[in-house]
Amino acid sequence: MRFTKDHEWVRLDGDVATVGITGYAAEQLGDVVFVEVPDVGKSVKAGDGFAVVESVKAASDVYAPVAGEVVEANGELSGAPETVNADPTGAGWFAKLKVSDPSEVDALMDQSAYDAYLATL
């Protein structure tokens, strides 16, 4: 699993990356009340806002950590947005992207680098 400074996580399986937000992000948001996942077929560049998560505190964009095409979206979240809080790095995933360049994932932080980054916040 790799991480961004915007608190997204990526799990790469072949050329498909599953993307979600970290437990830290979910905790900072508070109770998630609405999730808008991207449409299948949408092309995104790294850094593009491609999903929205709303909580009782705020609405936030979720940014694509890598470039690719959305091949699957987690439609379960629309009816159960609290899943993002309950299992952010598991069932609370937002989308799966067919990655344009798998080496982009390698440029993201690993767990120890992300933990060190969190310690600076």
Protein backbone atom coordinates (compact mmCIF):
# COMPACT_ATOMS: atom_id res chain seq x y z
CA MET A 1 0.00 0.00 0.00
CA ARG A 2 1.22 3.51 -0.89
CA PHE A 3 0.07 6.93 0.32
CA THR A 4 -0.19 10.58 -0.76
CA LYS A 5 0.25 13.74 1.30
CA ASP A 6 -3.48 14.33 0.71
CA HIS A 7 -4.17 11.10 2.65
CA GLU A 8 -5.25 8.85 -0.20
CA TRP A 9 -4.03 5.27 -0.29
CA VAL A 10 -3.35 3.03 -3.28
CA ARG A 11 -3.12 -0.74 -3.45
CA LEU A 12 -1.75 -1.98 -6.79
CA ASP A 13 -2.74 -5.40 -8.16
CA GLY A 14 -1.19 -5.85 -11.60
CA ASP A 15 -2.15 -2.69 -13.48
CA VAL A 16 -5.25 -1.96 -11.39
CA ALA A 17 -4.99 0.37 -8.40
CA THR A 18 -7.62 0.41 -5.69
CA VAL A 19 -7.91 3.90 -4.18
CA GLY A 20 -9.39 5.20 -0.93
CA ILE A 21 -8.71 7.60 1.91
CA THR A 22 -6.61 6.76 4.94
CA GLY A 23 -7.82 6.18 8.46
CA TYR A 24 -6.23 9.52 9.38
CA ALA A 25 -8.33 11.32 6.74
CA ALA A 26 -11.50 9.53 7.81
CA GLU A 27 -10.81 10.45 11.44
CA GLN A 28 -10.19 14.11 10.55
CA LEU A 29 -13.43 14.27 8.54
CA GLY A 30 -15.58 12.85 11.31
CA ASP A 31 -18.77 10.96 10.48
CA VAL A 32 -18.99 10.52 6.72
CA VAL A 33 -22.54 11.16 5.53
CA PHE A 34 -22.19 11.20 1.73
CA VAL A 35 -19.80 9.81 -0.88
CA GLU A 36 -19.76 10.52 -4.61
CA VAL A 37 -17.64 8.01 -6.51
CA PRO A 38 -16.39 8.58 -10.06
CA ASP A 39 -18.09 7.21 -13.15
CA VAL A 40 -16.65 4.07 -14.72
CA GLY A 41 -14.77 5.03 -17.86
CA LYS A 42 -13.61 8.40 -16.52
CA SER A 43 -9.96 9.15 -17.25
CA VAL A 44 -8.01 10.93 -14.53
CA LYS A 45 -4.57 12.41 -14.16
CA ALA A 46 -2.60 12.20 -10.92
CA GLY A 47 -3.83 15.01 -8.69
CA ASP A 48 -7.28 15.32 -10.31
CA GLY A 49 -10.24 15.46 -7.98
CA PHE A 50 -12.21 12.34 -8.90
CA ALA A 51 -14.51 11.67 -5.95
CA VAL A 52 -16.17 13.63 -3.15
CA VAL A 53 -16.60 12.75 0.50
CA GLU A 54 -18.82 14.76 2.83
CA SER A 55 -18.96 14.56 6.58
CA VAL A 56 -20.77 16.40 9.32
CA LYS A 57 -17.72 18.73 9.39
CA ALA A 58 -16.80 19.34 5.74
CA ALA A 59 -16.90 18.28 2.11
CA SER A 60 -13.61 17.24 0.53
CA ASP A 61 -12.37 16.15 -2.85
CA VAL A 62 -10.59 12.84 -3.15
CA TYR A 63 -7.65 13.14 -5.53
CA ALA A 64 -6.42 10.51 -7.93
CA PRO A 65 -2.98 9.48 -6.68
CA VAL A 66 -2.04 8.12 -10.13
CA ALA A 67 -3.23 8.55 -13.70
CA GLY A 68 -5.58 6.04 -15.23
CA GLU A 69 -9.11 5.09 -16.15
CA VAL A 70 -11.83 4.24 -13.64
CA VAL A 71 -12.71 0.58 -14.20
CA GLU A 72 -14.83 0.10 -11.09
CA ALA A 73 -16.48 2.38 -8.54
CA ASN A 74 -17.64 1.37 -5.08
CA GLY A 75 -21.36 1.97 -5.46
CA GLU A 76 -21.96 0.47 -2.01
CA LEU A 77 -20.75 3.72 -0.45
CA SER A 78 -23.75 5.74 -1.64
CA GLY A 79 -26.04 3.69 0.59
CA ALA A 80 -23.52 3.16 3.38
CA PRO A 81 -21.10 6.13 3.50
CA GLU A 82 -20.21 5.25 7.10
CA THR A 83 -18.16 2.37 5.65
CA VAL A 84 -15.43 4.95 4.95
CA ASN A 85 -15.13 5.54 8.71
CA ALA A 86 -15.54 1.90 9.71
CA ASP A 87 -13.10 0.37 7.21
CA PRO A 88 -11.23 3.11 5.30
CA THR A 89 -8.51 0.86 3.88
CA GLY A 90 -10.80 -2.08 3.20
CA ALA A 91 -14.49 -1.99 2.25
CA GLY A 92 -14.38 1.84 2.23
CA TRP A 93 -12.42 2.04 -1.05
CA PHE A 94 -13.67 4.57 -3.62
CA ALA A 95 -12.58 3.34 -7.04
CA LYS A 96 -10.33 1.05 -9.02
CA LEU A 97 -8.16 2.59 -11.73
CA LYS A 98 -6.46 0.89 -14.66
CA VAL A 99 -3.13 2.60 -14.17
CA SER A 100 -1.48 4.35 -17.13
CA ASP A 101 2.02 4.07 -15.63
CA PRO A 102 2.46 1.63 -12.71
CA SER A 103 5.78 3.30 -11.80
CA GLU A 104 3.75 6.31 -10.56
CA VAL A 105 2.73 4.15 -7.60
CA ASP A 106 6.38 3.63 -6.66
CA ALA A 107 6.81 7.40 -6.31
CA LEU A 108 4.22 7.53 -3.51
CA MET A 109 5.04 7.12 0.19
CA ASP A 110 5.29 3.67 1.72
CA GLN A 111 3.83 2.99 5.18
CA SER A 112 6.91 4.10 7.13
CA ALA A 113 7.26 7.32 5.11
CA TYR A 114 3.55 8.06 5.57
CA ASP A 115 3.80 7.42 9.32
CA ALA A 116 6.76 9.83 9.48
CA TYR A 117 4.75 12.40 7.50
CA LEU A 118 1.78 12.07 9.90
CA ALA A 119 4.14 12.75 12.83
CA THR A 120 4.85 16.20 11.34
CA LEU A 121 1.17 17.23 11.26
